[in-house]
C-alpha atoms as a PDB file:
ATOM      1  CA  MET A   1      18.871   6.117   1.759  1.00  0.00           C
ATOM      2  CA  LEU A   2      16.503   3.148   1.978  1.00  0.00           C
ATOM      3  CA  SER A   3      16.595   2.920   5.766  1.00  0.00           C
ATOM      4  CA  ARG A   4      13.037   4.263   5.889  1.00  0.00           C
ATOM      5  CA  ILE A   5      11.734   1.293   3.927  1.00  0.00           C
ATOM      6  CA  ILE A   6      10.517  -1.445   6.242  1.00  0.00           C
ATOM      7  CA  PHE A   7       9.688  -4.860   4.785  1.00  0.00           C
ATOM      8  CA  VAL A   8       8.203  -7.752   6.728  1.00  0.00           C
ATOM      9  CA  PRO A   9      10.494 -10.840   6.607  1.00  0.00           C
ATOM     10  CA  LEU A  10       9.470 -13.394   4.017  1.00  0.00           C
ATOM     11  CA  PHE A  11       8.906 -16.177   6.535  1.00  0.00           C
ATOM     12  CA  THR A  12       6.293 -14.016   8.267  1.00  0.00           C
ATOM     13  CA  ILE A  13       4.333 -13.673   5.046  1.00  0.00           C
ATOM     14  CA  LEU A  14       4.615 -17.369   4.222  1.00  0.00           C
ATOM     15  CA  ARG A  15       3.529 -18.392   7.707  1.00  0.00           C
ATOM     16  CA  ALA A  16       0.551 -16.034   7.564  1.00  0.00           C
ATOM     17  CA  ALA A  17      -0.348 -17.222   4.076  1.00  0.00           C
ATOM     18  CA  GLY A  18      -1.488 -20.489   5.574  1.00  0.00           C
ATOM     19  CA  THR A  19      -4.705 -18.863   6.746  1.00  0.00           C
ATOM     20  CA  SER A  20      -7.704 -18.706   4.445  1.00  0.00           C
ATOM     21  CA  GLN A  21      -9.047 -15.529   6.011  1.00  0.00           C
ATOM     22  CA  ALA A  22      -9.901 -13.001   3.288  1.00  0.00           C
ATOM     23  CA  LEU A  23      -8.057  -9.713   3.668  1.00  0.00           C
ATOM     24  CA  ILE A  24      -9.914  -7.745   1.032  1.00  0.00           C
ATOM     25  CA  ALA A  25     -12.885  -8.237  -1.236  1.00  0.00           C
ATOM     26  CA  PRO A  26     -12.369 -10.496  -4.258  1.00  0.00           C
ATOM     27  CA  ALA A  27     -11.491  -8.797  -7.512  1.00  0.00           C
ATOM     28  CA  THR A  28     -14.213  -8.436 -10.103  1.00  0.00           C
ATOM     29  CA  ARG A  29     -14.555 -11.883 -11.674  1.00  0.00           C
ATOM     30  CA  PRO A  30     -15.946 -13.218 -14.921  1.00  0.00           C
ATOM     31  CA  SER A  31     -19.182 -15.207 -14.857  1.00  0.00           C
ATOM     32  CA  ALA A  32     -19.275 -18.652 -13.317  1.00  0.00           C
ATOM     33  CA  SER A  33     -19.454 -20.218 -16.767  1.00  0.00           C
ATOM     34  CA  SER A  34     -16.129 -18.698 -17.787  1.00  0.00           C
ATOM     35  CA  PRO A  35     -12.854 -20.592 -17.336  1.00  0.00           C
ATOM     36  CA  ARG A  36     -10.996 -19.602 -14.187  1.00  0.00           C
ATOM     37  CA  LEU A  37      -7.586 -20.049 -12.616  1.00  0.00           C
ATOM     38  CA  SER A  38      -7.483 -23.105 -10.411  1.00  0.00           C
ATOM     39  CA  ALA A  39      -5.654 -23.621  -7.146  1.00  0.00           C
ATOM     40  CA  THR A  40      -4.197 -27.100  -6.877  1.00  0.00           C
ATOM     41  CA  THR A  41      -2.172 -28.174  -3.868  1.00  0.00           C
ATOM     42  CA  GLY A  42      -0.107 -31.142  -2.848  1.00  0.00           C
ATOM     43  CA  SER A  43       1.235 -32.003  -6.290  1.00  0.00           C
ATOM     44  CA  SER A  44       4.779 -31.437  -7.435  1.00  0.00           C
ATOM     45  CA  GLU A  45       3.502 -31.682 -11.018  1.00  0.00           C
ATOM     46  CA  VAL A  46       1.749 -28.300 -10.885  1.00  0.00           C
ATOM     47  CA  ALA A  47       3.658 -25.955 -13.182  1.00  0.00           C
ATOM     48  CA  TRP A  48       2.792 -22.442 -14.250  1.00  0.00           C
ATOM     49  CA  THR A  49       4.504 -19.300 -15.438  1.00  0.00           C
ATOM     50  CA  GLU A  50       3.798 -15.618 -14.918  1.00  0.00           C
ATOM     51  CA  ALA A  51       3.075 -15.287 -18.630  1.00  0.00           C
ATOM     52  CA  GLU A  52       0.452 -18.060 -18.452  1.00  0.00           C
ATOM     53  CA  LEU A  53      -1.268 -16.389 -15.495  1.00  0.00           C
ATOM     54  CA  LEU A  54      -1.383 -13.117 -17.400  1.00  0.00           C
ATOM     55  CA  GLU A  55      -2.811 -14.796 -20.512  1.00  0.00           C
ATOM     56  CA  GLU A  56      -5.540 -16.462 -18.453  1.00  0.00           C
ATOM     57  CA  LYS A  57      -6.315 -13.201 -16.691  1.00  0.00           C
ATOM     58  CA  ILE A  58      -6.692 -11.444 -20.048  1.00  0.00           C
ATOM     59  CA  ARG A  59      -9.072 -14.124 -21.337  1.00  0.00           C
ATOM     60  CA  MET A  60     -11.106 -14.068 -18.142  1.00  0.00           C
ATOM     61  CA  SER A  61     -11.303 -10.284 -17.981  1.00  0.00           C
ATOM     62  CA  GLN A  62     -12.400  -9.549 -21.534  1.00  0.00           C
ATOM     63  CA  GLY A  63     -15.296  -7.117 -21.552  1.00  0.00           C
ATOM     64  CA  LYS A  64     -15.279  -6.662 -17.777  1.00  0.00           C
ATOM     65  CA  GLY A  65     -15.368  -2.975 -16.817  1.00  0.00           C
ATOM     66  CA  ASP A  66     -13.498  -2.063 -19.954  1.00  0.00           C
ATOM     67  CA  ALA A  67     -12.535   1.519 -20.732  1.00  0.00           C
ATOM     68  CA  GLU A  68     -13.194   3.226 -24.038  1.00  0.00           C
ATOM     69  CA  PRO A  69     -10.205   2.679 -26.344  1.00  0.00           C
ATOM     70  CA  VAL A  70      -8.240   5.798 -27.226  1.00  0.00           C
ATOM     71  CA  PRO A  71      -7.933   6.398 -30.998  1.00  0.00           C
ATOM     72  CA  ARG A  72      -4.370   5.520 -31.990  1.00  0.00           C
ATOM     73  CA  LEU A  73      -3.487   8.194 -34.478  1.00  0.00           C
ATOM     74  CA  VAL A  74       0.216   7.414 -34.221  1.00  0.00           C
ATOM     75  CA  ARG A  75       1.739   4.133 -35.367  1.00  0.00           C
ATOM     76  CA  ILE A  76       4.727   2.965 -33.325  1.00  0.00           C
ATOM     77  CA  LYS A  77       7.012   0.572 -35.161  1.00  0.00           C
ATOM     78  CA  ALA A  78       9.486  -1.360 -33.005  1.00  0.00           C
ATOM     79  CA  GLU A  79      12.729  -2.961 -34.169  1.00  0.00           C
ATOM     80  CA  LEU A  80      14.943  -4.956 -31.832  1.00  0.00           C
ATOM     81  CA  LEU A  81      18.564  -3.823 -31.946  1.00  0.00           C
ATOM     82  CA  ASP A  82      21.561  -6.088 -31.602  1.00  0.00           C
ATOM     83  CA  ARG A  83      22.818  -6.254 -28.039  1.00  0.00           C
ATOM     84  CA  ASP A  84      26.312  -5.410 -29.286  1.00  0.00           C
ATOM     85  CA  SER A  85      25.275  -2.335 -31.287  1.00  0.00           C
ATOM     86  CA  ASP A  86      27.505   0.728 -31.038  1.00  0.00           C
ATOM     87  CA  PHE A  87      25.274   3.032 -29.027  1.00  0.00           C
ATOM     88  CA  SER A  88      27.847   5.801 -29.174  1.00  0.00           C
ATOM     89  CA  ASN A  89      27.048   6.039 -32.916  1.00  0.00           C
ATOM     90  CA  LEU A  90      23.490   7.176 -32.298  1.00  0.00           C
ATOM     91  CA  GLY A  91      23.002   8.917 -35.631  1.00  0.00           C
ATOM     92  CA  GLU A  92      23.527   5.716 -37.594  1.00  0.00           C
ATOM     93  CA  LEU A  93      21.212   3.702 -35.346  1.00  0.00           C
ATOM     94  CA  LEU A  94      18.462   6.286 -35.696  1.00  0.00           C
ATOM     95  CA  ALA A  95      18.878   6.602 -39.463  1.00  0.00           C
ATOM     96  CA  ASN A  96      18.541   2.882 -40.147  1.00  0.00           C
ATOM     97  CA  ASN A  97      14.848   2.650 -39.340  1.00  0.00           C
ATOM     98  CA  ASN A  98      12.799   0.484 -41.679  1.00  0.00           C
ATOM     99  CA  ASN A  99       9.701   2.632 -41.892  1.00  0.00           C
ATOM    100  CA  GLY A 100       8.756   1.349 -45.300  1.00  0.00           C
ATOM    101  CA  GLY A 101       5.084   2.234 -45.116  1.00  0.00           C
ATOM    102  CA  GLY A 102       5.547   5.737 -46.473  1.00  0.00           C
ATOM    103  CA  GLU A 103       4.017   7.319 -43.374  1.00  0.00           C
ATOM    104  CA  GLU A 104       5.194  10.690 -42.139  1.00  0.00           C
ATOM    105  CA  THR A 105       7.729  10.079 -39.375  1.00  0.00           C
ATOM    106  CA  ILE A 106       7.114  12.093 -36.221  1.00  0.00           C
ATOM    107  CA  ALA A 107      10.036  10.894 -34.088  1.00  0.00           C
ATOM    108  CA  THR A 108      12.572   8.090 -33.820  1.00  0.00           C
ATOM    109  CA  LYS A 109      13.978   6.983 -30.464  1.00  0.00           C
ATOM    110  CA  ILE A 110      16.350   4.367 -29.165  1.00  0.00           C
ATOM    111  CA  VAL A 111      14.815   2.970 -25.978  1.00  0.00           C
ATOM    112  CA  HIS A 112      16.379   0.424 -23.650  1.00  0.00           C
ATOM    113  CA  PHE A 113      13.499  -1.334 -21.896  1.00  0.00           C
ATOM    114  CA  GLN A 114      14.396  -3.193 -18.716  1.00  0.00           C
ATOM    115  CA  ARG A 115      12.253  -5.377 -16.501  1.00  0.00           C
ATOM    116  CA  HIS A 116      13.053  -5.105 -12.798  1.00  0.00           C
ATOM    117  CA  GLY A 117      14.995  -7.816 -10.972  1.00  0.00           C
ATOM    118  CA  GLN A 118      13.398 -10.421  -8.741  1.00  0.00           C
ATOM    119  CA  GLY A 119      11.076  -8.835  -6.181  1.00  0.00           C
ATOM    120  CA  TYR A 120       9.677 -10.442  -3.066  1.00  0.00           C
ATOM    121  CA  HIS A 121       6.365 -10.883  -4.881  1.00  0.00           C
ATOM    122  CA  ASN A 122       8.192 -12.937  -7.542  1.00  0.00           C
ATOM    123  CA  LEU A 123       9.800 -15.023  -4.804  1.00  0.00           C
ATOM    124  CA  LEU A 124       6.382 -15.765  -3.314  1.00  0.00           C
ATOM    125  CA  GLY A 125       5.356 -17.109  -6.711  1.00  0.00           C
ATOM    126  CA  ASP A 126       8.452 -19.320  -6.801  1.00  0.00           C
ATOM    127  CA  VAL A 127       7.595 -20.686  -3.342  1.00  0.00           C
ATOM    128  CA  LEU A 128       4.044 -21.538  -4.435  1.00  0.00           C
ATOM    129  CA  ARG A 129       5.325 -23.212  -7.591  1.00  0.00           C
ATOM    130  CA  ASP A 130       7.858 -25.290  -5.658  1.00  0.00           C
ATOM    131  CA  ALA A 131       5.098 -26.330  -3.232  1.00  0.00           C
ATOM    132  CA  GLY A 132       2.873 -27.504  -6.086  1.00  0.00           C
ATOM    133  CA  VAL A 133       0.326 -24.698  -5.715  1.00  0.00           C
ATOM    134  CA  ARG A 134      -1.255 -22.957  -8.677  1.00  0.00           C
ATOM    135  CA  PRO A 135      -2.355 -19.476  -7.569  1.00  0.00           C
ATOM    136  CA  ASP A 136      -5.686 -17.819  -8.267  1.00  0.00           C
ATOM    137  CA  ILE A 137      -4.986 -14.119  -8.741  1.00  0.00           C
ATOM    138  CA  PHE A 138      -8.709 -13.315  -8.555  1.00  0.00           C
ATOM    139  CA  SER A 139      -9.022 -14.904  -5.120  1.00  0.00           C
ATOM    140  CA  SER A 140      -9.336 -13.056  -1.811  1.00  0.00           C
ATOM    141  CA  ASP A 141      -7.676 -16.013  -0.045  1.00  0.00           C
ATOM    142  CA  PRO A 142      -4.001 -15.182   0.643  1.00  0.00           C
ATOM    143  CA  ALA A 143      -3.187 -18.903   0.782  1.00  0.00           C
ATOM    144  CA  ILE A 144      -3.602 -19.076  -3.008  1.00  0.00           C
ATOM    145  CA  ASN A 145      -3.143 -15.386  -3.787  1.00  0.00           C
ATOM    146  CA  PRO A 146      -0.335 -14.055  -1.564  1.00  0.00           C
ATOM    147  CA  TRP A 147      -0.036 -10.912  -3.688  1.00  0.00           C
ATOM    148  CA  ILE A 148      -3.020  -9.362  -1.923  1.00  0.00           C
ATOM    149  CA  ARG A 149      -1.295  -9.406   1.468  1.00  0.00           C
ATOM    150  CA  PRO A 150      -0.658  -5.921   2.909  1.00  0.00           C
ATOM    151  CA  GLU A 151       2.920  -6.888   3.795  1.00  0.00           C
ATOM    152  CA  ILE A 152       3.772  -7.096   0.099  1.00  0.00           C
ATOM    153  CA  VAL A 153       2.781  -3.502  -0.779  1.00  0.00           C
ATOM    154  CA  ASP A 154       5.142  -1.955  -3.355  1.00  0.00           C
ATOM    155  CA  SER A 155       7.358  -5.018  -3.229  1.00  0.00           C
ATOM    156  CA  PRO A 156      11.134  -4.332  -3.170  1.00  0.00           C
ATOM    157  CA  LEU A 157      13.932  -6.403  -4.697  1.00  0.00           C
ATOM    158  CA  THR A 158      15.227  -9.532  -3.021  1.00  0.00           C
ATOM    159  CA  ASP A 159      18.968  -9.981  -2.504  1.00  0.00           C
ATOM    160  CA  LEU A 160      18.973 -12.171  -5.616  1.00  0.00           C
ATOM    161  CA  GLY A 161      17.115  -9.454  -7.501  1.00  0.00           C
ATOM    162  CA  LYS A 162      19.746  -6.912  -6.509  1.00  0.00           C
ATOM    163  CA  ARG A 163      22.513  -9.204  -7.748  1.00  0.00           C
ATOM    164  CA  GLN A 164      20.663  -9.722 -11.033  1.00  0.00           C
ATOM    165  CA  CYS A 165      20.512  -5.963 -11.571  1.00  0.00           C
ATOM    166  CA  GLU A 166      24.151  -5.477 -10.617  1.00  0.00           C
ATOM    167  CA  GLY A 167      24.952  -8.135 -13.208  1.00  0.00           C
ATOM    168  CA  GLN A 168      23.464  -5.887 -15.915  1.00  0.00           C
ATOM    169  CA  ARG A 169      25.617  -2.902 -14.991  1.00  0.00           C
ATOM    170  CA  ALA A 170      28.420  -3.573 -17.481  1.00  0.00           C
ATOM    171  CA  HIS A 171      25.945  -3.912 -20.341  1.00  0.00           C
ATOM    172  CA  ALA A 172      23.904  -0.891 -19.256  1.00  0.00           C
ATOM    173  CA  ALA A 173      27.075   1.202 -19.152  1.00  0.00           C
ATOM    174  CA  ARG A 174      27.444   0.673 -22.924  1.00  0.00           C
ATOM    175  CA  LEU A 175      23.950   1.918 -23.750  1.00  0.00           C
ATOM    176  CA  LYS A 176      24.689   5.653 -23.330  1.00  0.00           C
ATOM    177  CA  PRO A 177      21.169   6.775 -22.321  1.00  0.00           C
ATOM    178  CA  GLU A 178      20.550  10.500 -22.230  1.00  0.00           C
ATOM    179  CA  ALA A 179      17.711  10.059 -19.723  1.00  0.00           C
ATOM    180  CA  VAL A 180      16.518   7.304 -17.400  1.00  0.00           C
ATOM    181  CA  VAL A 181      12.753   6.910 -16.912  1.00  0.00           C
ATOM    182  CA  VAL A 182      11.534   4.684 -14.091  1.00  0.00           C
ATOM    183  CA  SER A 183       8.271   3.372 -12.757  1.00  0.00           C
ATOM    184  CA  PRO A 184       7.826   4.884  -9.274  1.00  0.00           C
ATOM    185  CA  LEU A 185       7.389   1.413  -7.771  1.00  0.00           C
ATOM    186  CA  LEU A 186      10.295   0.598  -5.486  1.00  0.00           C
ATOM    187  CA  ARG A 187      11.593  -2.479  -7.305  1.00  0.00           C
ATOM    188  CA  ALA A 188      11.887  -0.541 -10.570  1.00  0.00           C
ATOM    189  CA  VAL A 189      13.759   2.376  -9.000  1.00  0.00           C
ATOM    190  CA  GLN A 190      16.098  -0.028  -7.198  1.00  0.00           C
ATOM    191  CA  THR A 191      16.732  -1.847 -10.485  1.00  0.00           C
ATOM    192  CA  ALA A 192      17.588   1.376 -12.310  1.00  0.00           C
ATOM    193  CA  LYS A 193      19.904   2.495  -9.522  1.00  0.00           C
ATOM    194  CA  LEU A 194      21.846  -0.768  -9.680  1.00  0.00           C
ATOM    195  CA  SER A 195      21.897  -1.451 -13.424  1.00  0.00           C
ATOM    196  CA  PHE A 196      22.416   2.154 -14.557  1.00  0.00           C
ATOM    197  CA  ALA A 197      24.689   3.059 -11.648  1.00  0.00           C
ATOM    198  CA  ASP A 198      27.265   4.579 -14.010  1.00  0.00           C
ATOM    199  CA  TYR A 199      24.693   7.182 -15.018  1.00  0.00           C
ATOM    200  CA  ASP A 200      23.383   7.673 -11.504  1.00  0.00           C
ATOM    201  CA  GLU A 201      26.504   9.722 -10.752  1.00  0.00           C
ATOM    202  CA  ALA A 202      25.404  12.157 -13.451  1.00  0.00           C
ATOM    203  CA  ILE A 203      22.112  13.031 -11.731  1.00  0.00           C
ATOM    204  CA  GLY A 204      21.888  16.806 -11.536  1.00  0.00           C
ATOM    205  CA  ASN A 205      24.632  17.111 -14.134  1.00  0.00           C
ATOM    206  CA  GLY A 206      22.714  16.865 -17.378  1.00  0.00           C
ATOM    207  CA  ILE A 207      21.141  13.389 -17.325  1.00  0.00           C
ATOM    208  CA  PRO A 208      17.592  13.484 -15.936  1.00  0.00           C
ATOM    209  CA  TRP A 209      16.103  10.616 -13.948  1.00  0.00           C
ATOM    210  CA  ILE A 210      12.317  10.750 -14.161  1.00  0.00           C
ATOM    211  CA  ALA A 211       9.635   8.811 -12.284  1.00  0.00           C
ATOM    212  CA  HIS A 212       6.528   8.304 -14.414  1.00  0.00           C
ATOM    213  CA  GLU A 213       3.289   6.465 -13.634  1.00  0.00           C
ATOM    214  CA  GLY A 214       2.731   5.725 -17.302  1.00  0.00           C
ATOM    215  CA  CYS A 215       5.216   2.836 -17.094  1.00  0.00           C
ATOM    216  CA  ARG A 216       3.930   1.383 -13.827  1.00  0.00           C
ATOM    217  CA  GLU A 217       2.866  -2.238 -13.642  1.00  0.00           C
ATOM    218  CA  GLU A 218      -0.822  -2.896 -14.280  1.00  0.00           C
ATOM    219  CA  VAL A 219      -2.733  -1.313 -11.424  1.00  0.00           C
ATOM    220  CA  GLY A 220      -5.497  -2.704  -9.254  1.00  0.00           C
ATOM    221  CA  TYR A 221      -6.221  -5.457  -6.734  1.00  0.00           C
ATOM    222  CA  LEU A 222      -2.733  -6.955  -6.300  1.00  0.00           C
ATOM    223  CA  VAL A 223      -1.116  -5.099  -3.403  1.00  0.00           C
ATOM    224  CA  CYS A 224       2.406  -5.692  -4.709  1.00  0.00           C
ATOM    225  CA  ASN A 225       1.569  -3.212  -7.497  1.00  0.00           C
ATOM    226  CA  LYS A 226       0.292  -0.470  -5.197  1.00  0.00           C
ATOM    227  CA  ARG A 227       2.795   2.347  -4.789  1.00  0.00           C
ATOM    228  CA  ARG A 228       3.752   4.048  -1.556  1.00  0.00           C
ATOM    229  CA  PRO A 229       2.767   7.658  -0.803  1.00  0.00           C
ATOM    230  CA  LEU A 230       4.654  10.157  -2.932  1.00  0.00           C
ATOM    231  CA  SER A 231       6.182  11.811   0.139  1.00  0.00           C
ATOM    232  CA  GLU A 232       7.835   8.506   1.104  1.00  0.00           C
ATOM    233  CA  ILE A 233       9.212   7.976  -2.393  1.00  0.00           C
ATOM    234  CA  ARG A 234      10.538  11.553  -2.503  1.00  0.00           C
ATOM    235  CA  ALA A 235      12.207  11.069   0.879  1.00  0.00           C
ATOM    236  CA  ASP A 236      14.028   7.968  -0.370  1.00  0.00           C
ATOM    237  CA  PHE A 237      14.797   9.284  -3.862  1.00  0.00           C
ATOM    238  CA  PRO A 238      14.889  13.103  -3.755  1.00  0.00           C
ATOM    239  CA  GLU A 239      17.039  13.205  -6.880  1.00  0.00           C
ATOM    240  CA  LEU A 240      14.259  11.881  -9.144  1.00  0.00           C
ATOM    241  CA  GLU A 241      12.011  14.215 -11.106  1.00  0.00           C
ATOM    242  CA  TYR A 242       8.319  13.724 -10.354  1.00  0.00           C
ATOM    243  CA  PRO A 243       5.569  14.983 -12.684  1.00  0.00           C
ATOM    244  CA  PRO A 244       3.222  17.503 -11.054  1.00  0.00           C
ATOM    245  CA  GLU A 245       0.186  15.309 -11.715  1.00  0.00           C
ATOM    246  CA  MET A 246       1.509  12.510  -9.474  1.00  0.00           C
ATOM    247  CA  THR A 247      -0.697  12.467  -6.376  1.00  0.00           C
ATOM    248  CA  GLU A 248       0.349  11.852  -2.776  1.00  0.00           C
ATOM    249  CA  GLU A 249      -1.748   8.702  -2.471  1.00  0.00           C
ATOM    250  CA  ASP A 250      -1.988   6.105  -5.213  1.00  0.00           C
ATOM    251  CA  SER A 251      -5.027   7.308  -7.147  1.00  0.00           C
ATOM    252  CA  LEU A 252      -4.532   4.748  -9.949  1.00  0.00           C
ATOM    253  CA  TRP A 253      -4.737   1.616  -7.819  1.00  0.00           C
ATOM    254  CA  ASP A 254      -8.214   0.125  -7.340  1.00  0.00           C
ATOM    255  CA  PRO A 255      -8.422  -2.273  -4.355  1.00  0.00           C
ATOM    256  CA  SER A 256     -11.428  -4.118  -5.804  1.00  0.00           C
ATOM    257  CA  ALA A 257     -10.587  -4.688  -9.464  1.00  0.00           C
ATOM    258  CA  PHE A 258      -7.758  -5.087 -11.939  1.00  0.00           C
ATOM    259  CA  GLU A 259      -6.990  -2.410 -14.493  1.00  0.00           C
ATOM    260  CA  SER A 260      -8.753  -3.442 -17.698  1.00  0.00           C
ATOM    261  CA  GLU A 261      -6.662  -4.439 -20.700  1.00  0.00           C
ATOM    262  CA  THR A 262      -8.027  -1.489 -22.676  1.00  0.00           C
ATOM    263  CA  ALA A 263      -7.209   0.968 -19.885  1.00  0.00           C
ATOM    264  CA  LYS A 264      -3.717  -0.477 -19.608  1.00  0.00           C
ATOM    265  CA  GLY A 265      -3.196  -0.197 -23.365  1.00  0.00           C
ATOM    266  CA  ASN A 266      -4.447   3.400 -23.289  1.00  0.00           C
ATOM    267  CA  ARG A 267      -2.000   4.245 -20.506  1.00  0.00           C
ATOM    268  CA  ILE A 268       0.937   2.661 -22.319  1.00  0.00           C
ATOM    269  CA  TYR A 269       0.070   4.372 -25.604  1.00  0.00           C
ATOM    270  CA  ASP A 270      -0.235   7.739 -23.853  1.00  0.00           C
ATOM    271  CA  PHE A 271       3.148   7.237 -22.158  1.00  0.00           C
ATOM    272  CA  LEU A 272       4.878   6.387 -25.432  1.00  0.00           C
ATOM    273  CA  VAL A 273       3.239   9.000 -27.676  1.00  0.00           C
ATOM    274  CA  ASN A 274       2.638  11.932 -25.358  1.00  0.00           C
ATOM    275  CA  PHE A 275       5.669  11.566 -23.116  1.00  0.00           C
ATOM    276  CA  LEU A 276       8.477   9.495 -24.592  1.00  0.00           C
ATOM    277  CA  ALA A 277       8.158  10.697 -28.193  1.00  0.00           C
ATOM    278  CA  GLU A 278       7.991  14.305 -26.967  1.00  0.00           C
ATOM    279  CA  ARG A 279      11.183  14.105 -24.908  1.00  0.00           C
ATOM    280  CA  PRO A 280      14.203  15.934 -26.390  1.00  0.00           C
ATOM    281  CA  GLU A 281      16.500  12.953 -25.731  1.00  0.00           C
ATOM    282  CA  ARG A 282      16.981  10.479 -28.568  1.00  0.00           C
ATOM    283  CA  ASN A 283      18.372   7.624 -26.449  1.00  0.00           C
ATOM    284  CA  LEU A 284      16.518   6.689 -23.263  1.00  0.00           C
ATOM    285  CA  ALA A 285      16.261   3.891 -20.723  1.00  0.00           C
ATOM    286  CA  VAL A 286      12.852   2.839 -19.364  1.00  0.00           C
ATOM    287  CA  VAL A 287      12.890   0.565 -16.308  1.00  0.00           C
ATOM    288  CA  CYS A 288       9.515  -1.020 -15.634  1.00  0.00           C
ATOM    289  CA  HIS A 289       7.561  -4.294 -15.336  1.00  0.00           C
ATOM    290  CA  SER A 290       6.768  -7.589 -17.059  1.00  0.00           C
ATOM    291  CA  ALA A 291       2.999  -7.344 -17.644  1.00  0.00           C
ATOM    292  CA  TRP A 292       3.413  -3.732 -18.796  1.00  0.00           C
ATOM    293  CA  LEU A 293       6.132  -4.774 -21.244  1.00  0.00           C
ATOM    294  CA  ALA A 294       4.063  -7.712 -22.514  1.00  0.00           C
ATOM    295  CA  ALA A 295       1.085  -5.433 -23.158  1.00  0.00           C
ATOM    296  CA  MET A 296       3.273  -2.846 -24.869  1.00  0.00           C
ATOM    297  CA  CYS A 297       4.903  -5.336 -27.227  1.00  0.00           C
ATOM    298  CA  ASN A 298       1.749  -7.327 -28.004  1.00  0.00           C
ATOM    299  CA  ASP A 299      -0.944  -4.644 -28.035  1.00  0.00           C
ATOM    300  CA  VAL A 300       0.556  -1.197 -28.573  1.00  0.00           C
ATOM    301  CA  LEU A 301       3.699  -1.556 -30.684  1.00  0.00           C
ATOM    302  CA  ASP A 302       3.948  -2.871 -34.228  1.00  0.00           C
ATOM    303  CA  CYS A 303       6.661  -5.469 -33.667  1.00  0.00           C
ATOM    304  CA  GLY A 304       6.339  -7.024 -37.112  1.00  0.00           C
ATOM    305  CA  GLY A 305       5.787 -10.474 -35.633  1.00  0.00           C
ATOM    306  CA  ASP A 306       9.250 -10.567 -34.038  1.00  0.00           C
ATOM    307  CA  GLU A 307       8.918 -13.073 -31.193  1.00  0.00           C
ATOM    308  CA  ASN A 308      12.198 -11.839 -29.748  1.00  0.00           C
ATOM    309  CA  LEU A 309      10.265  -8.655 -28.965  1.00  0.00           C
ATOM    310  CA  THR A 310       6.845 -10.047 -28.108  1.00  0.00           C
ATOM    311  CA  SER A 311       8.101 -12.782 -25.769  1.00  0.00           C
ATOM    312  CA  TRP A 312       8.036 -12.446 -21.989  1.00  0.00           C
ATOM    313  CA  PHE A 313      10.880 -10.398 -20.460  1.00  0.00           C
ATOM    314  CA  GLY A 314      13.109 -12.230 -17.990  1.00  0.00           C
ATOM    315  CA  VAL A 315      13.951 -10.677 -14.637  1.00  0.00           C
ATOM    316  CA  SER A 316      16.351  -7.715 -15.079  1.00  0.00           C
ATOM    317  CA  GLU A 317      16.451  -8.324 -18.856  1.00  0.00           C
ATOM    318  CA  ILE A 318      17.254  -5.332 -21.090  1.00  0.00           C
ATOM    319  CA  ARG A 319      16.127  -5.089 -24.726  1.00  0.00           C
ATOM    320  CA  SER A 320      17.235  -2.188 -26.884  1.00  0.00           C
ATOM    321  CA  VAL A 321      14.592  -1.116 -29.374  1.00  0.00           C
ATOM    322  CA  ARG A 322      14.327   1.469 -32.132  1.00  0.00           C
ATOM    323  CA  LEU A 323      10.889   3.083 -31.990  1.00  0.00           C
ATOM    324  CA  THR A 324       9.627   4.955 -35.044  1.00  0.00           C
ATOM    325  CA  PHE A 325       6.572   7.127 -34.452  1.00  0.00           C
ATOM    326  CA  SER A 326       4.585   7.988 -37.582  1.00  0.00           C
ATOM    327  CA  LYS A 327       1.133   9.228 -38.495  1.00  0.00           C
ATOM    328  CA  ALA A 328      -1.193   6.289 -38.894  1.00  0.00           C
ATOM    329  CA  GLU A 329      -2.790   5.915 -42.314  1.00  0.00           C
END
């Protein structure tokens, strides 16, 4: 099915990354007086994590091209469920919500959030880290920001990433989702197909698989987060349901600037309240991305200070969460 997907070998990208020629215009930056990500080479002591890069990006981007925040009239309380919960006893899991605020409950869902497995864009980060290079994700220089290279568009899973997702299959089989919702980016669909393979056989037989742009990774500037044309995705995954508002070309991705934190929060809130909470299924899987999940748990959901929820998701990690939607006071 994926024979149509052509990906440039990794060594080609790494070899080309040695050039400092700018491929596209730099992303919108903060002022020169603001702190910025540095690019340091030649030192094995340089260490960084994806979470740290995201935190710096958030600090640097505050107030830059921000959208108007959407009023959040619905409170979404999140409770992490035990990995060994009996998901066949859905009624008990749904009934045990701790909505102690007295708000009127609108809906309660069990949602299994999964981050995709290792993609080639993640591997590029590992290569930079091993070489002692700290990337600058605002840069237009592919030597220190390889994620702007056109070869990395809609980055697929590596072989390791595929094995990571296959390793989650036994656990995912116990989760009993009634629907699987995926980001339309290739690495997320591949992850869902491998981890939830036991439910893939049920496509067209009562269990919907839905592609939704509301759970895409943050959009803008980084080419690895740009999706392919809808016609290509449909050709590779005709069994997925696609919402009518999804356009042929990627209308969300801005080549010159990152999605603002407010816009990202608005998109996540809209996905949860106006899509997920409205679905008839009570038990769903959502396969998506790390920065999206970090924003959801730290900005949109009320996680009650549970660091097991607000911490960074590992590659292919699944967390089962009870979401209680209620009218905000």
